[in-house]
Amino acid sequence: MIEESAPIPAATLIVMRDRADGPPDLLMLERSAAMRFAAGALVFPGGRIEESDGPLDTDDDTAPRIAAIRETIEEARIAVALTPEPEPAAVARLAEALRAGAGLASLLEAEGLSADPAALTPFARWRPNFRETRAFDARFYLARATGSATPEPDGVECVAAFWVSAEAILASGRPLLFPTRRNLERLARFRSFAEAARDARRHPPRLITPVVERRPDGDWLTIPEDLGYPVTAERLDRARRS
């Protein structure tokens, strides 16, 4: 059992949908204003890794990948990395059962489906230690969207779910947590899922823990400069951490 004082193992899925006439869309969620963490912020689907996702093993990240797939179905009714590709009605059944507390493995078996964790590409791993919020050790994965399903928020943790480009989110002025903003800036450089996956393979995830750096013009929240991020610092008084 993981103590609450320890970083909470979590998984996040960046679902990308290629477009012929522009940059790829990303699946984004708007967190409920009533939530304790990231209230009202735009986020990627994700959450803590549950025991039903499998054992946490430092040499095997299957459990985080399963958690990322599960959370995306539960929070947005979008299914990726499942075979055969499920019908919308099956995805709806999965989402409702997951929201009621069922485990993903038994649900997939009942629907005649199987998960393919290898379809997810490792993108990043963040473990902020901000005093303002609980600590999460979050693994980020990339996945290509299949089909043209319309996302539906769970209505509890998330009040909206939609497809939007990274550029559009960054230009919108909507509230973003520091890690989300940095990841969006990185994703905004890519014109396809394939480009993003190639970049992810060039920069294997290393654990990122932002640190405060005192500069002549004030305190800045910073991350290492060799991990593929085009922006590696933000003024501390402007960075949203919770």
C-alpha atoms as a PDB file:
ATOM      1  CA  MET A   1       0.000   0.000   0.000  1.00  0.00           C
ATOM      2  CA  ILE A   2       1.336   3.426  -0.980  1.00  0.00           C
ATOM      3  CA  GLU A   3       1.267   6.059   1.755  1.00  0.00           C
ATOM      4  CA  GLU A   4      -0.414   9.349   0.887  1.00  0.00           C
ATOM      5  CA  SER A   5       2.737  11.231   1.885  1.00  0.00           C
ATOM      6  CA  ALA A   6       4.705   9.448  -0.859  1.00  0.00           C
ATOM      7  CA  PRO A   7       4.420  10.540  -4.500  1.00  0.00           C
ATOM      8  CA  ILE A   8       1.301   8.943  -5.967  1.00  0.00           C
ATOM      9  CA  PRO A   9       2.065   6.769  -9.031  1.00  0.00           C
ATOM     10  CA  ALA A  10      -0.024   8.068 -11.919  1.00  0.00           C
ATOM     11  CA  ALA A  11      -0.347   7.775 -15.671  1.00  0.00           C
ATOM     12  CA  THR A  12      -1.432  10.282 -18.307  1.00  0.00           C
ATOM     13  CA  LEU A  13      -2.356   9.720 -21.941  1.00  0.00           C
ATOM     14  CA  ILE A  14      -1.776  12.270 -24.682  1.00  0.00           C
ATOM     15  CA  VAL A  15      -4.176  11.139 -27.410  1.00  0.00           C
ATOM     16  CA  MET A  16      -3.369  12.641 -30.807  1.00  0.00           C
ATOM     17  CA  ARG A  17      -5.650  12.739 -33.851  1.00  0.00           C
ATOM     18  CA  ASP A  18      -3.942  13.628 -37.137  1.00  0.00           C
ATOM     19  CA  ARG A  19      -5.566  16.168 -39.450  1.00  0.00           C
ATOM     20  CA  ALA A  20      -4.910  16.591 -43.163  1.00  0.00           C
ATOM     21  CA  ASP A  21      -5.371  20.370 -43.042  1.00  0.00           C
ATOM     22  CA  GLY A  22      -3.445  21.331 -39.911  1.00  0.00           C
ATOM     23  CA  PRO A  23      -1.633  20.248 -36.780  1.00  0.00           C
ATOM     24  CA  PRO A  24      -2.946  17.243 -34.869  1.00  0.00           C
ATOM     25  CA  ASP A  25      -5.778  17.541 -32.406  1.00  0.00           C
ATOM     26  CA  LEU A  26      -5.217  16.555 -28.796  1.00  0.00           C
ATOM     27  CA  LEU A  27      -7.787  15.139 -26.403  1.00  0.00           C
ATOM     28  CA  MET A  28      -8.162  17.648 -23.549  1.00  0.00           C
ATOM     29  CA  LEU A  29     -10.344  17.702 -20.465  1.00  0.00           C
ATOM     30  CA  GLU A  30     -11.552  20.573 -18.291  1.00  0.00           C
ATOM     31  CA  ARG A  31     -11.339  19.699 -14.617  1.00  0.00           C
ATOM     32  CA  SER A  32     -14.303  20.500 -12.409  1.00  0.00           C
ATOM     33  CA  ALA A  33     -13.944  23.676 -10.348  1.00  0.00           C
ATOM     34  CA  ALA A  34     -14.891  21.584  -7.309  1.00  0.00           C
ATOM     35  CA  MET A  35     -11.861  19.292  -7.571  1.00  0.00           C
ATOM     36  CA  ARG A  36      -9.099  19.528  -5.004  1.00  0.00           C
ATOM     37  CA  PHE A  37      -6.328  19.176  -7.587  1.00  0.00           C
ATOM     38  CA  ALA A  38      -6.086  21.278 -10.788  1.00  0.00           C
ATOM     39  CA  ALA A  39      -9.551  22.792 -10.299  1.00  0.00           C
ATOM     40  CA  GLY A  40     -10.800  24.335 -13.549  1.00  0.00           C
ATOM     41  CA  ALA A  41      -7.582  23.569 -15.433  1.00  0.00           C
ATOM     42  CA  LEU A  42      -7.255  21.945 -18.842  1.00  0.00           C
ATOM     43  CA  VAL A  43      -5.492  18.588 -18.571  1.00  0.00           C
ATOM     44  CA  PHE A  44      -4.805  15.392 -20.469  1.00  0.00           C
ATOM     45  CA  PRO A  45      -6.769  12.326 -19.311  1.00  0.00           C
ATOM     46  CA  GLY A  46      -5.092  10.395 -16.534  1.00  0.00           C
ATOM     47  CA  GLY A  47      -5.002   9.530 -12.877  1.00  0.00           C
ATOM     48  CA  ARG A  48      -3.501   7.328 -10.236  1.00  0.00           C
ATOM     49  CA  ILE A  49      -2.432   3.769 -10.987  1.00  0.00           C
ATOM     50  CA  GLU A  50      -4.745   1.267  -9.298  1.00  0.00           C
ATOM     51  CA  GLU A  51      -3.903  -2.208  -8.030  1.00  0.00           C
ATOM     52  CA  SER A  52      -6.204  -3.657 -10.707  1.00  0.00           C
ATOM     53  CA  ASP A  53      -3.934  -2.191 -13.398  1.00  0.00           C
ATOM     54  CA  GLY A  54      -1.171  -4.596 -12.388  1.00  0.00           C
ATOM     55  CA  PRO A  55       1.932  -4.611 -10.215  1.00  0.00           C
ATOM     56  CA  LEU A  56       4.207  -1.585 -10.212  1.00  0.00           C
ATOM     57  CA  ASP A  57       7.600  -2.776 -11.416  1.00  0.00           C
ATOM     58  CA  THR A  58      10.605  -0.555 -12.069  1.00  0.00           C
ATOM     59  CA  ASP A  59      11.580  -2.761 -15.023  1.00  0.00           C
ATOM     60  CA  ASP A  60       8.108  -3.008 -16.562  1.00  0.00           C
ATOM     61  CA  ASP A  61       5.696  -0.120 -17.122  1.00  0.00           C
ATOM     62  CA  THR A  62       2.708  -2.234 -18.178  1.00  0.00           C
ATOM     63  CA  ALA A  63       0.610  -1.109 -15.199  1.00  0.00           C
ATOM     64  CA  PRO A  64       1.028   2.626 -15.976  1.00  0.00           C
ATOM     65  CA  ARG A  65       0.136   1.980 -19.625  1.00  0.00           C
ATOM     66  CA  ILE A  66      -3.010   0.072 -18.625  1.00  0.00           C
ATOM     67  CA  ALA A  67      -3.902   2.867 -16.192  1.00  0.00           C
ATOM     68  CA  ALA A  68      -3.550   5.464 -18.955  1.00  0.00           C
ATOM     69  CA  ILE A  69      -5.846   3.479 -21.257  1.00  0.00           C
ATOM     70  CA  ARG A  70      -8.366   2.910 -18.451  1.00  0.00           C
ATOM     71  CA  GLU A  71      -8.462   6.535 -17.294  1.00  0.00           C
ATOM     72  CA  THR A  72      -9.029   7.779 -20.837  1.00  0.00           C
ATOM     73  CA  ILE A  73     -12.030   5.514 -21.280  1.00  0.00           C
ATOM     74  CA  GLU A  74     -13.390   6.414 -17.864  1.00  0.00           C
ATOM     75  CA  GLU A  75     -12.919  10.186 -18.100  1.00  0.00           C
ATOM     76  CA  ALA A  76     -13.657  10.826 -21.775  1.00  0.00           C
ATOM     77  CA  ARG A  77     -15.208   7.683 -23.341  1.00  0.00           C
ATOM     78  CA  ILE A  78     -12.321   7.499 -25.793  1.00  0.00           C
ATOM     79  CA  ALA A  79     -10.750   4.059 -26.245  1.00  0.00           C
ATOM     80  CA  VAL A  80      -7.278   3.591 -27.678  1.00  0.00           C
ATOM     81  CA  ALA A  81      -4.971   0.578 -27.874  1.00  0.00           C
ATOM     82  CA  LEU A  82      -7.851  -1.909 -27.772  1.00  0.00           C
ATOM     83  CA  THR A  83      -8.349  -4.742 -30.246  1.00  0.00           C
ATOM     84  CA  PRO A  84     -10.569  -5.210 -32.071  1.00  0.00           C
ATOM     85  CA  GLU A  85     -11.592  -1.544 -32.207  1.00  0.00           C
ATOM     86  CA  PRO A  86     -14.711  -1.366 -30.009  1.00  0.00           C
ATOM     87  CA  GLU A  87     -18.068  -0.012 -31.134  1.00  0.00           C
ATOM     88  CA  PRO A  88     -19.269   3.198 -29.411  1.00  0.00           C
ATOM     89  CA  ALA A  89     -21.825   1.240 -27.402  1.00  0.00           C
ATOM     90  CA  ALA A  90     -19.089  -1.018 -26.024  1.00  0.00           C
ATOM     91  CA  VAL A  91     -16.957   2.000 -25.063  1.00  0.00           C
ATOM     92  CA  ALA A  92     -19.977   3.494 -23.271  1.00  0.00           C
ATOM     93  CA  ARG A  93     -20.478   0.265 -21.321  1.00  0.00           C
ATOM     94  CA  LEU A  94     -16.794   0.182 -20.384  1.00  0.00           C
ATOM     95  CA  ALA A  95     -16.863   3.792 -19.217  1.00  0.00           C
ATOM     96  CA  GLU A  96     -19.944   3.327 -17.060  1.00  0.00           C
ATOM     97  CA  ALA A  97     -18.585   0.157 -15.453  1.00  0.00           C
ATOM     98  CA  LEU A  98     -15.199   1.734 -14.795  1.00  0.00           C
ATOM     99  CA  ARG A  99     -16.864   4.740 -13.176  1.00  0.00           C
ATOM    100  CA  ALA A 100     -18.705   2.292 -10.928  1.00  0.00           C
ATOM    101  CA  GLY A 101     -15.394   0.802  -9.769  1.00  0.00           C
ATOM    102  CA  ALA A 102     -14.939  -2.270 -11.974  1.00  0.00           C
ATOM    103  CA  GLY A 103     -11.486  -3.345 -13.130  1.00  0.00           C
ATOM    104  CA  LEU A 104     -10.551  -2.998 -16.788  1.00  0.00           C
ATOM    105  CA  ALA A 105      -9.253  -6.535 -17.375  1.00  0.00           C
ATOM    106  CA  SER A 106     -12.528  -8.305 -16.554  1.00  0.00           C
ATOM    107  CA  LEU A 107     -14.541  -5.770 -18.538  1.00  0.00           C
ATOM    108  CA  LEU A 108     -12.419  -6.245 -21.639  1.00  0.00           C
ATOM    109  CA  GLU A 109     -12.749 -10.019 -21.375  1.00  0.00           C
ATOM    110  CA  ALA A 110     -16.533  -9.720 -21.174  1.00  0.00           C
ATOM    111  CA  GLU A 111     -16.564  -7.522 -24.281  1.00  0.00           C
ATOM    112  CA  GLY A 112     -14.195  -9.793 -26.235  1.00  0.00           C
ATOM    113  CA  LEU A 113     -11.516  -7.108 -26.299  1.00  0.00           C
ATOM    114  CA  SER A 114      -7.860  -6.951 -25.345  1.00  0.00           C
ATOM    115  CA  ALA A 115      -5.521  -4.090 -24.481  1.00  0.00           C
ATOM    116  CA  ASP A 116      -2.250  -3.495 -26.331  1.00  0.00           C
ATOM    117  CA  PRO A 117       0.002  -1.557 -23.934  1.00  0.00           C
ATOM    118  CA  ALA A 118       2.808  -1.566 -26.540  1.00  0.00           C
ATOM    119  CA  ALA A 119       0.707   0.798 -28.686  1.00  0.00           C
ATOM    120  CA  LEU A 120       1.557   3.604 -26.243  1.00  0.00           C
ATOM    121  CA  THR A 121       4.796   5.551 -26.698  1.00  0.00           C
ATOM    122  CA  PRO A 122       6.566   6.829 -23.542  1.00  0.00           C
ATOM    123  CA  PHE A 123       6.772  10.631 -23.722  1.00  0.00           C
ATOM    124  CA  ALA A 124       7.742  12.035 -20.314  1.00  0.00           C
ATOM    125  CA  ARG A 125       7.780  11.454 -16.579  1.00  0.00           C
ATOM    126  CA  TRP A 126       7.085  14.293 -14.155  1.00  0.00           C
ATOM    127  CA  ARG A 127       7.309  14.281 -10.372  1.00  0.00           C
ATOM    128  CA  PRO A 128       6.778  17.880  -9.144  1.00  0.00           C
ATOM    129  CA  ASN A 129       7.298  18.406  -5.422  1.00  0.00           C
ATOM    130  CA  PHE A 130       5.206  21.576  -5.093  1.00  0.00           C
ATOM    131  CA  ARG A 131       4.120  22.314  -1.544  1.00  0.00           C
ATOM    132  CA  GLU A 132       0.770  23.567  -2.826  1.00  0.00           C
ATOM    133  CA  THR A 133      -0.489  20.139  -3.852  1.00  0.00           C
ATOM    134  CA  ARG A 134      -0.148  16.387  -3.493  1.00  0.00           C
ATOM    135  CA  ALA A 135       2.890  14.882  -5.185  1.00  0.00           C
ATOM    136  CA  PHE A 136       2.289  12.725  -8.258  1.00  0.00           C
ATOM    137  CA  ASP A 137       4.847  10.603 -10.078  1.00  0.00           C
ATOM    138  CA  ALA A 138       3.162  10.791 -13.475  1.00  0.00           C
ATOM    139  CA  ARG A 139       4.209   8.930 -16.598  1.00  0.00           C
ATOM    140  CA  PHE A 140       3.023  10.479 -19.870  1.00  0.00           C
ATOM    141  CA  TYR A 141       2.357   8.382 -22.971  1.00  0.00           C
ATOM    142  CA  LEU A 142       1.432   9.175 -26.559  1.00  0.00           C
ATOM    143  CA  ALA A 143      -1.297   7.297 -28.420  1.00  0.00           C
ATOM    144  CA  ARG A 144      -2.814   7.712 -31.865  1.00  0.00           C
ATOM    145  CA  ALA A 145      -6.580   8.138 -31.950  1.00  0.00           C
ATOM    146  CA  THR A 146      -8.511   5.825 -34.223  1.00  0.00           C
ATOM    147  CA  GLY A 147     -11.951   6.610 -35.576  1.00  0.00           C
ATOM    148  CA  SER A 148     -13.799   9.873 -35.070  1.00  0.00           C
ATOM    149  CA  ALA A 149     -15.414   9.389 -31.678  1.00  0.00           C
ATOM    150  CA  THR A 150     -16.700  12.454 -29.839  1.00  0.00           C
ATOM    151  CA  PRO A 151     -15.369  12.567 -26.274  1.00  0.00           C
ATOM    152  CA  GLU A 152     -17.810  12.762 -23.370  1.00  0.00           C
ATOM    153  CA  PRO A 153     -16.670  13.961 -19.912  1.00  0.00           C
ATOM    154  CA  ASP A 154     -17.470  11.906 -16.848  1.00  0.00           C
ATOM    155  CA  GLY A 155     -19.312  14.903 -15.348  1.00  0.00           C
ATOM    156  CA  VAL A 156     -17.623  14.488 -11.967  1.00  0.00           C
ATOM    157  CA  GLU A 157     -13.896  15.040 -12.244  1.00  0.00           C
ATOM    158  CA  CYS A 158     -14.218  16.607 -15.698  1.00  0.00           C
ATOM    159  CA  VAL A 159     -16.931  18.907 -17.013  1.00  0.00           C
ATOM    160  CA  ALA A 160     -15.781  19.130 -20.643  1.00  0.00           C
ATOM    161  CA  ALA A 161     -13.847  16.961 -23.097  1.00  0.00           C
ATOM    162  CA  PHE A 162     -12.862  18.020 -26.596  1.00  0.00           C
ATOM    163  CA  TRP A 163     -10.351  17.844 -29.447  1.00  0.00           C
ATOM    164  CA  VAL A 164      -8.116  20.885 -29.922  1.00  0.00           C
ATOM    165  CA  SER A 165      -4.640  21.684 -31.222  1.00  0.00           C
ATOM    166  CA  ALA A 166      -1.772  22.462 -28.871  1.00  0.00           C
ATOM    167  CA  GLU A 167      -1.349  25.888 -30.499  1.00  0.00           C
ATOM    168  CA  ALA A 168      -4.990  26.769 -29.894  1.00  0.00           C
ATOM    169  CA  ILE A 169      -4.823  25.859 -26.206  1.00  0.00           C
ATOM    170  CA  LEU A 170      -1.638  27.837 -25.643  1.00  0.00           C
ATOM    171  CA  ALA A 171      -3.145  30.863 -27.385  1.00  0.00           C
ATOM    172  CA  SER A 172      -6.438  30.646 -25.497  1.00  0.00           C
ATOM    173  CA  GLY A 173      -5.202  31.821 -22.117  1.00  0.00           C
ATOM    174  CA  ARG A 174      -7.031  28.948 -20.407  1.00  0.00           C
ATOM    175  CA  PRO A 175      -5.589  27.806 -17.046  1.00  0.00           C
ATOM    176  CA  LEU A 176      -2.813  25.220 -17.374  1.00  0.00           C
ATOM    177  CA  LEU A 177      -0.587  23.573 -14.806  1.00  0.00           C
ATOM    178  CA  PHE A 178       3.158  24.049 -15.245  1.00  0.00           C
ATOM    179  CA  PRO A 179       3.796  20.485 -16.555  1.00  0.00           C
ATOM    180  CA  THR A 180       0.791  20.654 -18.911  1.00  0.00           C
ATOM    181  CA  ARG A 181       1.966  23.950 -20.399  1.00  0.00           C
ATOM    182  CA  ARG A 182       5.496  22.622 -20.959  1.00  0.00           C
ATOM    183  CA  ASN A 183       4.166  19.478 -22.625  1.00  0.00           C
ATOM    184  CA  LEU A 184       1.840  21.490 -24.870  1.00  0.00           C
ATOM    185  CA  GLU A 185       4.720  23.717 -25.967  1.00  0.00           C
ATOM    186  CA  ARG A 186       6.671  20.621 -26.909  1.00  0.00           C
ATOM    187  CA  LEU A 187       3.705  19.067 -28.722  1.00  0.00           C
ATOM    188  CA  ALA A 188       2.980  22.275 -30.652  1.00  0.00           C
ATOM    189  CA  ARG A 189       6.131  21.697 -32.730  1.00  0.00           C
ATOM    190  CA  PHE A 190       4.795  18.506 -34.320  1.00  0.00           C
ATOM    191  CA  ARG A 191       2.640  18.221 -37.417  1.00  0.00           C
ATOM    192  CA  SER A 192       1.650  14.584 -36.881  1.00  0.00           C
ATOM    193  CA  PHE A 193       1.561  11.771 -34.360  1.00  0.00           C
ATOM    194  CA  ALA A 194       4.511  10.152 -36.156  1.00  0.00           C
ATOM    195  CA  GLU A 195       6.643  13.287 -35.617  1.00  0.00           C
ATOM    196  CA  ALA A 196       5.792  13.357 -31.918  1.00  0.00           C
ATOM    197  CA  ALA A 197       6.570   9.660 -31.502  1.00  0.00           C
ATOM    198  CA  ARG A 198       9.949  10.066 -33.225  1.00  0.00           C
ATOM    199  CA  ASP A 199      10.828  12.948 -30.914  1.00  0.00           C
ATOM    200  CA  ALA A 200       9.785  10.904 -27.894  1.00  0.00           C
ATOM    201  CA  ARG A 201      12.107   8.105 -28.949  1.00  0.00           C
ATOM    202  CA  ARG A 202      14.955  10.617 -29.344  1.00  0.00           C
ATOM    203  CA  HIS A 203      14.373  11.827 -25.782  1.00  0.00           C
ATOM    204  CA  PRO A 204      13.727   8.780 -23.567  1.00  0.00           C
ATOM    205  CA  PRO A 205      11.817   9.938 -20.476  1.00  0.00           C
ATOM    206  CA  ARG A 206      13.871  10.986 -17.479  1.00  0.00           C
ATOM    207  CA  LEU A 207      12.294  11.949 -14.204  1.00  0.00           C
ATOM    208  CA  ILE A 208      11.535  15.687 -14.219  1.00  0.00           C
ATOM    209  CA  THR A 209      11.281  17.518 -10.903  1.00  0.00           C
ATOM    210  CA  PRO A 210      11.062  21.307 -11.458  1.00  0.00           C
ATOM    211  CA  VAL A 211      13.334  23.435  -9.303  1.00  0.00           C
ATOM    212  CA  VAL A 212      13.249  27.108  -8.375  1.00  0.00           C
ATOM    213  CA  GLU A 213      16.167  29.130  -9.724  1.00  0.00           C
ATOM    214  CA  ARG A 214      16.884  32.595  -8.355  1.00  0.00           C
ATOM    215  CA  ARG A 215      17.748  35.030 -11.179  1.00  0.00           C
ATOM    216  CA  PRO A 216      18.388  38.784 -11.257  1.00  0.00           C
ATOM    217  CA  ASP A 217      14.791  39.376 -12.420  1.00  0.00           C
ATOM    218  CA  GLY A 218      13.206  37.113  -9.821  1.00  0.00           C
ATOM    219  CA  ASP A 219      12.539  33.451  -9.085  1.00  0.00           C
ATOM    220  CA  TRP A 220      11.937  31.082 -11.998  1.00  0.00           C
ATOM    221  CA  LEU A 221      10.576  27.532 -12.049  1.00  0.00           C
ATOM    222  CA  THR A 222      12.899  25.506 -14.273  1.00  0.00           C
ATOM    223  CA  ILE A 223      13.418  22.050 -15.812  1.00  0.00           C
ATOM    224  CA  PRO A 224      16.496  20.543 -17.537  1.00  0.00           C
ATOM    225  CA  GLU A 225      17.269  21.812 -21.040  1.00  0.00           C
ATOM    226  CA  ASP A 226      18.133  18.492 -22.702  1.00  0.00           C
ATOM    227  CA  LEU A 227      14.769  16.708 -22.621  1.00  0.00           C
ATOM    228  CA  GLY A 228      13.191  18.063 -25.806  1.00  0.00           C
ATOM    229  CA  TYR A 229      11.246  20.977 -24.315  1.00  0.00           C
ATOM    230  CA  PRO A 230      11.471  24.295 -26.184  1.00  0.00           C
ATOM    231  CA  VAL A 231      10.587  26.286 -23.029  1.00  0.00           C
ATOM    232  CA  THR A 232      12.332  25.247 -19.828  1.00  0.00           C
ATOM    233  CA  ALA A 233      11.539  28.082 -17.404  1.00  0.00           C
ATOM    234  CA  GLU A 234       8.621  30.218 -16.266  1.00  0.00           C
ATOM    235  CA  ARG A 235       8.483  32.989 -13.700  1.00  0.00           C
ATOM    236  CA  LEU A 236       7.497  31.448 -10.391  1.00  0.00           C
ATOM    237  CA  ASP A 237       4.809  34.043  -9.745  1.00  0.00           C
ATOM    238  CA  ARG A 238       3.133  33.151 -13.077  1.00  0.00           C
ATOM    239  CA  ALA A 239       3.444  29.361 -12.945  1.00  0.00           C
ATOM    240  CA  ARG A 240       0.341  27.457 -11.837  1.00  0.00           C
ATOM    241  CA  ARG A 241       1.265  24.498  -9.664  1.00  0.00           C
ATOM    242  CA  SER A 242      -2.066  23.223  -8.357  1.00  0.00           C
END
